[in-house]
Amino acid sequence: MTERVERHRQPWTHEELEKLRLLAKKGMALKAISKAMTRSQESIQDRAKLDGIGIAKLR
């Protein structure tokens, strides 16, 4: 069994914010961004809303 690393309530770094902006700008879905950044979907949604970053919705 693989060991899961918990990142509960870790502060966002400048690099992570830039990566979030870049991935959102490319039109990636929330789930894909979450996996790429190893953060929860809720965490990414909250931070995107706080910074006014639009996340693409799957249709």
PDB file of N, CA and C in Angstrom:
ATOM      1  N   MET A   1       0.850  -1.189   0.000  1.00  0.00           N
ATOM      2  CA  MET A   1       0.000   0.000   0.000  1.00  0.00           C
ATOM      3  C   MET A   1       0.888   1.242   0.000  1.00  0.00           C
ATOM      4  N   THR A   2       0.526   2.214  -0.804  1.00  0.00           N
ATOM      5  CA  THR A   2       1.325   3.435  -0.860  1.00  0.00           C
ATOM      6  C   THR A   2       0.965   4.351   0.299  1.00  0.00           C
ATOM      7  N   GLU A   3       1.956   5.083   0.731  1.00  0.00           N
ATOM      8  CA  GLU A   3       1.743   6.007   1.842  1.00  0.00           C
ATOM      9  C   GLU A   3       1.225   7.336   1.307  1.00  0.00           C
ATOM     10  N   ARG A   4       0.159   7.831   1.881  1.00  0.00           N
ATOM     11  CA  ARG A   4      -0.450   9.087   1.439  1.00  0.00           C
ATOM     12  C   ARG A   4       0.097  10.245   2.271  1.00  0.00           C
ATOM     13  N   VAL A   5       0.532  11.266   1.597  1.00  0.00           N
ATOM     14  CA  VAL A   5       1.081  12.439   2.278  1.00  0.00           C
ATOM     15  C   VAL A   5      -0.044  13.439   2.483  1.00  0.00           C
ATOM     16  N   GLU A   6      -0.248  13.840   3.714  1.00  0.00           N
ATOM     17  CA  GLU A   6      -1.283  14.820   4.037  1.00  0.00           C
ATOM     18  C   GLU A   6      -0.674  16.218   4.033  1.00  0.00           C
ATOM     19  N   ARG A   7      -1.350  17.133   3.366  1.00  0.00           N
ATOM     20  CA  ARG A   7      -0.898  18.528   3.301  1.00  0.00           C
ATOM     21  C   ARG A   7      -1.958  19.431   3.914  1.00  0.00           C
ATOM     22  N   HIS A   8      -2.571  18.995   4.960  1.00  0.00           N
ATOM     23  CA  HIS A   8      -3.691  19.713   5.545  1.00  0.00           C
ATOM     24  C   HIS A   8      -3.314  21.134   5.955  1.00  0.00           C
ATOM     25  N   ARG A   9      -4.045  22.087   5.374  1.00  0.00           N
ATOM     26  CA  ARG A   9      -3.927  23.512   5.701  1.00  0.00           C
ATOM     27  C   ARG A   9      -2.525  24.093   5.514  1.00  0.00           C
ATOM     28  N   GLN A  10      -1.831  23.649   4.486  1.00  0.00           N
ATOM     29  CA  GLN A  10      -0.525  24.212   4.172  1.00  0.00           C
ATOM     30  C   GLN A  10      -0.718  25.568   3.499  1.00  0.00           C
ATOM     31  N   PRO A  11       0.103  26.542   3.837  1.00  0.00           N
ATOM     32  CA  PRO A  11      -0.026  27.854   3.180  1.00  0.00           C
ATOM     33  C   PRO A  11       0.343  27.758   1.700  1.00  0.00           C
ATOM     34  N   TRP A  12      -0.264  28.614   0.904  1.00  0.00           N
ATOM     35  CA  TRP A  12       0.008  28.640  -0.536  1.00  0.00           C
ATOM     36  C   TRP A  12       1.290  29.415  -0.784  1.00  0.00           C
ATOM     37  N   THR A  13       2.168  28.850  -1.601  1.00  0.00           N
ATOM     38  CA  THR A  13       3.401  29.541  -1.962  1.00  0.00           C
ATOM     39  C   THR A  13       3.151  30.365  -3.227  1.00  0.00           C
ATOM     40  N   HIS A  14       4.054  31.279  -3.494  1.00  0.00           N
ATOM     41  CA  HIS A  14       3.949  32.106  -4.700  1.00  0.00           C
ATOM     42  C   HIS A  14       3.997  31.227  -5.949  1.00  0.00           C
ATOM     43  N   GLU A  15       4.836  30.205  -5.937  1.00  0.00           N
ATOM     44  CA  GLU A  15       4.954  29.307  -7.083  1.00  0.00           C
ATOM     45  C   GLU A  15       3.658  28.538  -7.327  1.00  0.00           C
ATOM     46  N   GLU A  16       3.004  28.109  -6.237  1.00  0.00           N
ATOM     47  CA  GLU A  16       1.739  27.392  -6.373  1.00  0.00           C
ATOM     48  C   GLU A  16       0.647  28.289  -6.949  1.00  0.00           C
ATOM     49  N   LEU A  17       0.621  29.530  -6.527  1.00  0.00           N
ATOM     50  CA  LEU A  17      -0.374  30.472  -7.047  1.00  0.00           C
ATOM     51  C   LEU A  17      -0.160  30.723  -8.541  1.00  0.00           C
ATOM     52  N   GLU A  18       1.097  30.847  -8.944  1.00  0.00           N
ATOM     53  CA  GLU A  18       1.402  31.032 -10.369  1.00  0.00           C
ATOM     54  C   GLU A  18       0.990  29.800 -11.169  1.00  0.00           C
ATOM     55  N   LYS A  19       1.239  28.622 -10.613  1.00  0.00           N
ATOM     56  CA  LYS A  19       0.862  27.377 -11.290  1.00  0.00           C
ATOM     57  C   LYS A  19      -0.655  27.277 -11.402  1.00  0.00           C
ATOM     58  N   LEU A  20      -1.367  27.663 -10.358  1.00  0.00           N
ATOM     59  CA  LEU A  20      -2.828  27.652 -10.385  1.00  0.00           C
ATOM     60  C   LEU A  20      -3.351  28.586 -11.478  1.00  0.00           C
ATOM     61  N   ARG A  21      -2.800  29.780 -11.552  1.00  0.00           N
ATOM     62  CA  ARG A  21      -3.213  30.735 -12.592  1.00  0.00           C
ATOM     63  C   ARG A  21      -2.943  30.175 -13.988  1.00  0.00           C
ATOM     64  N   LEU A  22      -1.777  29.568 -14.175  1.00  0.00           N
ATOM     65  CA  LEU A  22      -1.403  29.020 -15.477  1.00  0.00           C
ATOM     66  C   LEU A  22      -2.323  27.878 -15.893  1.00  0.00           C
ATOM     67  N   LEU A  23      -2.572  26.941 -14.976  1.00  0.00           N
ATOM     68  CA  LEU A  23      -3.421  25.790 -15.290  1.00  0.00           C
ATOM     69  C   LEU A  23      -4.862  26.226 -15.560  1.00  0.00           C
ATOM     70  N   ALA A  24      -5.352  27.194 -14.789  1.00  0.00           N
ATOM     71  CA  ALA A  24      -6.710  27.689 -14.991  1.00  0.00           C
ATOM     72  C   ALA A  24      -6.813  28.417 -16.331  1.00  0.00           C
ATOM     73  N   LYS A  25      -5.778  29.153 -16.679  1.00  0.00           N
ATOM     74  CA  LYS A  25      -5.754  29.890 -17.942  1.00  0.00           C
ATOM     75  C   LYS A  25      -5.773  28.931 -19.133  1.00  0.00           C
ATOM     76  N   LYS A  26      -5.134  27.763 -18.969  1.00  0.00           N
ATOM     77  CA  LYS A  26      -5.116  26.750 -20.027  1.00  0.00           C
ATOM     78  C   LYS A  26      -6.464  26.063 -20.177  1.00  0.00           C
ATOM     79  N   GLY A  27      -7.369  26.286 -19.229  1.00  0.00           N
ATOM     80  CA  GLY A  27      -8.701  25.709 -19.310  1.00  0.00           C
ATOM     81  C   GLY A  27      -8.817  24.324 -18.693  1.00  0.00           C
ATOM     82  N   MET A  28      -7.895  23.973 -17.829  1.00  0.00           N
ATOM     83  CA  MET A  28      -7.955  22.659 -17.181  1.00  0.00           C
ATOM     84  C   MET A  28      -9.115  22.606 -16.186  1.00  0.00           C
ATOM     85  N   ALA A  29      -9.673  21.421 -16.028  1.00  0.00           N
ATOM     86  CA  ALA A  29     -10.776  21.216 -15.093  1.00  0.00           C
ATOM     87  C   ALA A  29     -10.251  21.168 -13.658  1.00  0.00           C
ATOM     88  N   LEU A  30     -11.134  21.391 -12.724  1.00  0.00           N
ATOM     89  CA  LEU A  30     -10.787  21.417 -11.301  1.00  0.00           C
ATOM     90  C   LEU A  30     -10.114  20.123 -10.857  1.00  0.00           C
ATOM     91  N   LYS A  31     -10.659  18.993 -11.276  1.00  0.00           N
ATOM     92  CA  LYS A  31     -10.107  17.698 -10.868  1.00  0.00           C
ATOM     93  C   LYS A  31      -8.675  17.527 -11.367  1.00  0.00           C
ATOM     94  N   ALA A  32      -8.416  17.935 -12.591  1.00  0.00           N
ATOM     95  CA  ALA A  32      -7.078  17.821 -13.172  1.00  0.00           C
ATOM     96  C   ALA A  32      -6.092  18.755 -12.458  1.00  0.00           C
ATOM     97  N   ILE A  33      -6.537  19.958 -12.140  1.00  0.00           N
ATOM     98  CA  ILE A  33      -5.685  20.908 -11.421  1.00  0.00           C
ATOM     99  C   ILE A  33      -5.364  20.359 -10.035  1.00  0.00           C
ATOM    100  N   SER A  34      -6.377  19.796  -9.393  1.00  0.00           N
ATOM    101  CA  SER A  34      -6.202  19.222  -8.060  1.00  0.00           C
ATOM    102  C   SER A  34      -5.143  18.121  -8.065  1.00  0.00           C
ATOM    103  N   LYS A  35      -5.213  17.268  -9.054  1.00  0.00           N
ATOM    104  CA  LYS A  35      -4.256  16.164  -9.146  1.00  0.00           C
ATOM    105  C   LYS A  35      -2.849  16.687  -9.443  1.00  0.00           C
ATOM    106  N   ALA A  36      -2.751  17.663 -10.342  1.00  0.00           N
ATOM    107  CA  ALA A  36      -1.457  18.219 -10.719  1.00  0.00           C
ATOM    108  C   ALA A  36      -0.775  18.948  -9.558  1.00  0.00           C
ATOM    109  N   MET A  37      -1.578  19.543  -8.695  1.00  0.00           N
ATOM    110  CA  MET A  37      -1.016  20.337  -7.603  1.00  0.00           C
ATOM    111  C   MET A  37      -0.985  19.603  -6.270  1.00  0.00           C
ATOM    112  N   THR A  38      -1.504  18.396  -6.233  1.00  0.00           N
ATOM    113  CA  THR A  38      -1.620  17.595  -5.006  1.00  0.00           C
ATOM    114  C   THR A  38      -2.277  18.382  -3.869  1.00  0.00           C
ATOM    115  N   ARG A  39      -3.368  19.031  -4.211  1.00  0.00           N
ATOM    116  CA  ARG A  39      -4.211  19.721  -3.231  1.00  0.00           C
ATOM    117  C   ARG A  39      -5.647  19.310  -3.470  1.00  0.00           C
ATOM    118  N   SER A  40      -6.478  19.477  -2.458  1.00  0.00           N
ATOM    119  CA  SER A  40      -7.880  19.083  -2.591  1.00  0.00           C
ATOM    120  C   SER A  40      -8.617  20.029  -3.525  1.00  0.00           C
ATOM    121  N   GLN A  41      -9.691  19.532  -4.106  1.00  0.00           N
ATOM    122  CA  GLN A  41     -10.503  20.354  -4.990  1.00  0.00           C
ATOM    123  C   GLN A  41     -11.090  21.533  -4.225  1.00  0.00           C
ATOM    124  N   GLU A  42     -11.469  21.302  -2.990  1.00  0.00           N
ATOM    125  CA  GLU A  42     -12.043  22.366  -2.161  1.00  0.00           C
ATOM    126  C   GLU A  42     -11.011  23.468  -1.914  1.00  0.00           C
ATOM    127  N   SER A  43      -9.791  23.068  -1.641  1.00  0.00           N
ATOM    128  CA  SER A  43      -8.725  24.031  -1.384  1.00  0.00           C
ATOM    129  C   SER A  43      -8.473  24.891  -2.616  1.00  0.00           C
ATOM    130  N   ILE A  44      -8.448  24.254  -3.775  1.00  0.00           N
ATOM    131  CA  ILE A  44      -8.212  24.979  -5.016  1.00  0.00           C
ATOM    132  C   ILE A  44      -9.379  25.908  -5.338  1.00  0.00           C
ATOM    133  N   GLN A  45     -10.599  25.427  -5.137  1.00  0.00           N
ATOM    134  CA  GLN A  45     -11.780  26.278  -5.372  1.00  0.00           C
ATOM    135  C   GLN A  45     -11.758  27.505  -4.473  1.00  0.00           C
ATOM    136  N   ASP A  46     -11.464  27.291  -3.197  1.00  0.00           N
ATOM    137  CA  ASP A  46     -11.434  28.400  -2.241  1.00  0.00           C
ATOM    138  C   ASP A  46     -10.384  29.436  -2.626  1.00  0.00           C
ATOM    139  N   ARG A  47      -9.190  28.956  -2.980  1.00  0.00           N
ATOM    140  CA  ARG A  47      -8.110  29.884  -3.318  1.00  0.00           C
ATOM    141  C   ARG A  47      -8.393  30.614  -4.632  1.00  0.00           C
ATOM    142  N   ALA A  48      -8.955  29.904  -5.593  1.00  0.00           N
ATOM    143  CA  ALA A  48      -9.290  30.522  -6.879  1.00  0.00           C
ATOM    144  C   ALA A  48     -10.336  31.615  -6.682  1.00  0.00           C
ATOM    145  N   LYS A  49     -11.316  31.342  -5.845  1.00  0.00           N
ATOM    146  CA  LYS A  49     -12.358  32.336  -5.572  1.00  0.00           C
ATOM    147  C   LYS A  49     -11.758  33.553  -4.862  1.00  0.00           C
ATOM    148  N   LEU A  50     -10.870  33.299  -3.921  1.00  0.00           N
ATOM    149  CA  LEU A  50     -10.226  34.370  -3.171  1.00  0.00           C
ATOM    150  C   LEU A  50      -9.412  35.280  -4.088  1.00  0.00           C
ATOM    151  N   ASP A  51      -8.740  34.686  -5.083  1.00  0.00           N
ATOM    152  CA  ASP A  51      -7.890  35.455  -5.999  1.00  0.00           C
ATOM    153  C   ASP A  51      -8.595  35.868  -7.288  1.00  0.00           C
ATOM    154  N   GLY A  52      -9.874  35.493  -7.422  1.00  0.00           N
ATOM    155  CA  GLY A  52     -10.624  35.863  -8.631  1.00  0.00           C
ATOM    156  C   GLY A  52     -10.190  35.117  -9.876  1.00  0.00           C
ATOM    157  N   ILE A  53      -9.781  33.866  -9.703  1.00  0.00           N
ATOM    158  CA  ILE A  53      -9.350  33.032 -10.825  1.00  0.00           C
ATOM    159  C   ILE A  53     -10.504  32.145 -11.245  1.00  0.00           C
ATOM    160  N   GLY A  54     -10.824  32.148 -12.525  1.00  0.00           N
ATOM    161  CA  GLY A  54     -11.917  31.323 -13.029  1.00  0.00           C
ATOM    162  C   GLY A  54     -11.434  29.922 -13.371  1.00  0.00           C
ATOM    163  N   ILE A  55     -12.150  28.922 -12.900  1.00  0.00           N
ATOM    164  CA  ILE A  55     -11.830  27.523 -13.192  1.00  0.00           C
ATOM    165  C   ILE A  55     -12.864  27.005 -14.197  1.00  0.00           C
ATOM    166  N   ALA A  56     -12.395  26.309 -15.223  1.00  0.00           N
ATOM    167  CA  ALA A  56     -13.285  25.764 -16.255  1.00  0.00           C
ATOM    168  C   ALA A  56     -14.225  24.718 -15.671  1.00  0.00           C
ATOM    169  N   LYS A  57     -15.464  24.729 -16.115  1.00  0.00           N
ATOM    170  CA  LYS A  57     -16.445  23.740 -15.666  1.00  0.00           C
ATOM    171  C   LYS A  57     -16.577  22.681 -16.746  1.00  0.00           C
ATOM    172  N   LEU A  58     -16.644  21.414 -16.327  1.00  0.00           N
ATOM    173  CA  LEU A  58     -16.841  20.325 -17.281  1.00  0.00           C
ATOM    174  C   LEU A  58     -18.300  20.283 -17.700  1.00  0.00           C
ATOM    175  N   ARG A  59     -18.554  20.023 -18.957  1.00  0.00           N
ATOM    176  CA  ARG A  59     -19.932  19.966 -19.456  1.00  0.00           C
ATOM    177  C   ARG A  59     -20.220  18.594 -19.978  1.00  0.00           C
TER     178      ARG A  59
END
